[in-house]
Amino acid sequence: MSDHDPQQEQLVDEVKARPGGAMTDEVGVITGDLTIASSLMPDGCADITIQYTDADEWYTLTGSPVSLPAAGLAALHEHVLERVRHGGGAGPPR
């Protein structure tokens, strides 16, 4: 068991988005080399943010925050990565 605060749990990975990329609230669709962060919030939901890899600005993945599935944050994060890899204006699962 980890001794960190579970409310601070965050998973971050880089992904290359296919055409259509990922849909963000702030700037619409982004594509190319992206970094995705999935963070557990105090209310038990997951906040998903995305950026161009190595950029300063982070954007909200449209549809975030989402309810945390029973499988947990890691499963949700992997699902989001796969959706963004696929492209087509991806967002989090509903």
C-alpha atoms as a PDB file:
ATOM      1  CA  MET A   1       0.000   0.000   0.000  1.00  0.00           C
ATOM      2  CA  SER A   2       1.111   3.507  -0.748  1.00  0.00           C
ATOM      3  CA  ASP A   3       1.159   6.047   2.037  1.00  0.00           C
ATOM      4  CA  HIS A   4       0.235   8.962  -0.255  1.00  0.00           C
ATOM      5  CA  ASP A   5      -3.131  10.699  -0.075  1.00  0.00           C
ATOM      6  CA  PRO A   6      -5.410   8.914  -2.579  1.00  0.00           C
ATOM      7  CA  GLN A   7      -7.023  12.259  -3.381  1.00  0.00           C
ATOM      8  CA  GLN A   8      -3.673  13.306  -4.844  1.00  0.00           C
ATOM      9  CA  GLU A   9      -3.466  10.294  -7.160  1.00  0.00           C
ATOM     10  CA  GLN A  10      -2.574  11.279 -10.717  1.00  0.00           C
ATOM     11  CA  LEU A  11      -1.511   9.275 -13.763  1.00  0.00           C
ATOM     12  CA  VAL A  12       0.319  10.992 -16.630  1.00  0.00           C
ATOM     13  CA  ASP A  13       1.260   9.485 -20.005  1.00  0.00           C
ATOM     14  CA  GLU A  14       2.207  10.612 -23.483  1.00  0.00           C
ATOM     15  CA  VAL A  15       0.238   9.484 -26.512  1.00  0.00           C
ATOM     16  CA  LYS A  16       0.169  10.195 -30.245  1.00  0.00           C
ATOM     17  CA  ALA A  17      -3.349  11.073 -31.332  1.00  0.00           C
ATOM     18  CA  ARG A  18      -4.636   9.913 -34.695  1.00  0.00           C
ATOM     19  CA  PRO A  19      -6.570  12.235 -37.013  1.00  0.00           C
ATOM     20  CA  GLY A  20      -9.381  13.986 -35.201  1.00  0.00           C
ATOM     21  CA  GLY A  21      -7.359  13.892 -31.980  1.00  0.00           C
ATOM     22  CA  ALA A  22      -8.969  14.755 -28.693  1.00  0.00           C
ATOM     23  CA  MET A  23     -11.717  17.306 -28.019  1.00  0.00           C
ATOM     24  CA  THR A  24     -10.999  19.992 -25.415  1.00  0.00           C
ATOM     25  CA  ASP A  25     -13.316  22.549 -23.833  1.00  0.00           C
ATOM     26  CA  GLU A  26     -10.953  25.448 -24.383  1.00  0.00           C
ATOM     27  CA  VAL A  27      -9.529  25.071 -27.914  1.00  0.00           C
ATOM     28  CA  GLY A  28     -11.500  22.295 -29.615  1.00  0.00           C
ATOM     29  CA  VAL A  29      -9.666  19.377 -31.199  1.00  0.00           C
ATOM     30  CA  ILE A  30      -5.942  18.900 -30.614  1.00  0.00           C
ATOM     31  CA  THR A  31      -3.815  16.289 -32.375  1.00  0.00           C
ATOM     32  CA  GLY A  32      -0.273  14.988 -32.530  1.00  0.00           C
ATOM     33  CA  ASP A  33       1.999  14.287 -29.567  1.00  0.00           C
ATOM     34  CA  LEU A  34      -0.107  14.803 -26.449  1.00  0.00           C
ATOM     35  CA  THR A  35       0.231  14.301 -22.705  1.00  0.00           C
ATOM     36  CA  ILE A  36      -2.805  13.173 -20.714  1.00  0.00           C
ATOM     37  CA  ALA A  37      -3.226  13.509 -16.952  1.00  0.00           C
ATOM     38  CA  SER A  38      -6.009  11.701 -15.088  1.00  0.00           C
ATOM     39  CA  SER A  39      -6.431  12.936 -11.520  1.00  0.00           C
ATOM     40  CA  LEU A  40      -8.583  11.595  -8.719  1.00  0.00           C
ATOM     41  CA  MET A  41     -10.674  14.395  -7.217  1.00  0.00           C
ATOM     42  CA  PRO A  42     -11.855  14.594  -3.582  1.00  0.00           C
ATOM     43  CA  ASP A  43     -15.450  13.842  -4.657  1.00  0.00           C
ATOM     44  CA  GLY A  44     -14.386  10.515  -6.218  1.00  0.00           C
ATOM     45  CA  CYS A  45     -14.615  11.717  -9.818  1.00  0.00           C
ATOM     46  CA  ALA A  46     -11.691  11.847 -12.219  1.00  0.00           C
ATOM     47  CA  ASP A  47     -10.486  15.067 -13.843  1.00  0.00           C
ATOM     48  CA  ILE A  48      -8.841  14.523 -17.223  1.00  0.00           C
ATOM     49  CA  THR A  49      -6.598  17.174 -18.700  1.00  0.00           C
ATOM     50  CA  ILE A  50      -4.515  17.177 -21.865  1.00  0.00           C
ATOM     51  CA  GLN A  51      -1.716  19.207 -23.393  1.00  0.00           C
ATOM     52  CA  TYR A  52       0.591  19.240 -26.356  1.00  0.00           C
ATOM     53  CA  THR A  53       3.618  17.341 -25.024  1.00  0.00           C
ATOM     54  CA  ASP A  54       6.141  19.776 -23.496  1.00  0.00           C
ATOM     55  CA  ALA A  55       3.744  22.752 -23.735  1.00  0.00           C
ATOM     56  CA  ASP A  56       2.824  24.900 -20.745  1.00  0.00           C
ATOM     57  CA  GLU A  57      -0.941  24.999 -21.250  1.00  0.00           C
ATOM     58  CA  TRP A  58      -3.255  22.238 -20.054  1.00  0.00           C
ATOM     59  CA  TYR A  59      -6.787  21.836 -21.408  1.00  0.00           C
ATOM     60  CA  THR A  60      -9.861  20.053 -20.083  1.00  0.00           C
ATOM     61  CA  LEU A  61     -10.786  16.951 -22.071  1.00  0.00           C
ATOM     62  CA  THR A  62     -14.397  17.583 -23.097  1.00  0.00           C
ATOM     63  CA  GLY A  63     -16.688  15.547 -20.855  1.00  0.00           C
ATOM     64  CA  SER A  64     -14.385  15.744 -17.831  1.00  0.00           C
ATOM     65  CA  PRO A  65     -14.741  15.299 -14.929  1.00  0.00           C
ATOM     66  CA  VAL A  66     -16.218  11.824 -15.087  1.00  0.00           C
ATOM     67  CA  SER A  67     -17.371   9.314 -12.523  1.00  0.00           C
ATOM     68  CA  LEU A  68     -14.624   6.940 -11.493  1.00  0.00           C
ATOM     69  CA  PRO A  69     -15.427   3.401 -12.696  1.00  0.00           C
ATOM     70  CA  ALA A  70     -15.331   0.454 -10.318  1.00  0.00           C
ATOM     71  CA  ALA A  71     -12.080  -0.652 -11.990  1.00  0.00           C
ATOM     72  CA  GLY A  72     -10.381   2.512 -10.717  1.00  0.00           C
ATOM     73  CA  LEU A  73      -8.316   5.427 -11.982  1.00  0.00           C
ATOM     74  CA  ALA A  74      -5.710   3.315 -13.796  1.00  0.00           C
ATOM     75  CA  ALA A  75      -8.372   1.557 -15.886  1.00  0.00           C
ATOM     76  CA  LEU A  76     -10.041   4.867 -16.734  1.00  0.00           C
ATOM     77  CA  HIS A  77      -6.692   6.414 -17.677  1.00  0.00           C
ATOM     78  CA  GLU A  78      -5.831   3.507 -19.992  1.00  0.00           C
ATOM     79  CA  HIS A  79      -9.255   3.740 -21.614  1.00  0.00           C
ATOM     80  CA  VAL A  80      -8.782   7.481 -22.252  1.00  0.00           C
ATOM     81  CA  LEU A  81      -5.306   6.874 -23.720  1.00  0.00           C
ATOM     82  CA  GLU A  82      -6.738   4.295 -26.113  1.00  0.00           C
ATOM     83  CA  ARG A  83      -9.583   6.603 -27.161  1.00  0.00           C
ATOM     84  CA  VAL A  84      -7.167   9.454 -27.871  1.00  0.00           C
ATOM     85  CA  ARG A  85      -4.834   7.127 -29.798  1.00  0.00           C
ATOM     86  CA  HIS A  86      -7.829   6.257 -31.962  1.00  0.00           C
ATOM     87  CA  GLY A  87      -8.653   9.944 -32.551  1.00  0.00           C
ATOM     88  CA  GLY A  88     -11.925  11.208 -33.948  1.00  0.00           C
ATOM     89  CA  GLY A  89     -12.449  13.976 -31.367  1.00  0.00           C
ATOM     90  CA  ALA A  90     -12.063  11.590 -28.445  1.00  0.00           C
ATOM     91  CA  GLY A  91     -13.273  12.358 -24.969  1.00  0.00           C
ATOM     92  CA  PRO A  92     -13.593  10.309 -21.801  1.00  0.00           C
ATOM     93  CA  PRO A  93     -15.950   7.343 -21.648  1.00  0.00           C
ATOM     94  CA  ARG A  94     -19.434   8.147 -20.416  1.00  0.00           C
END
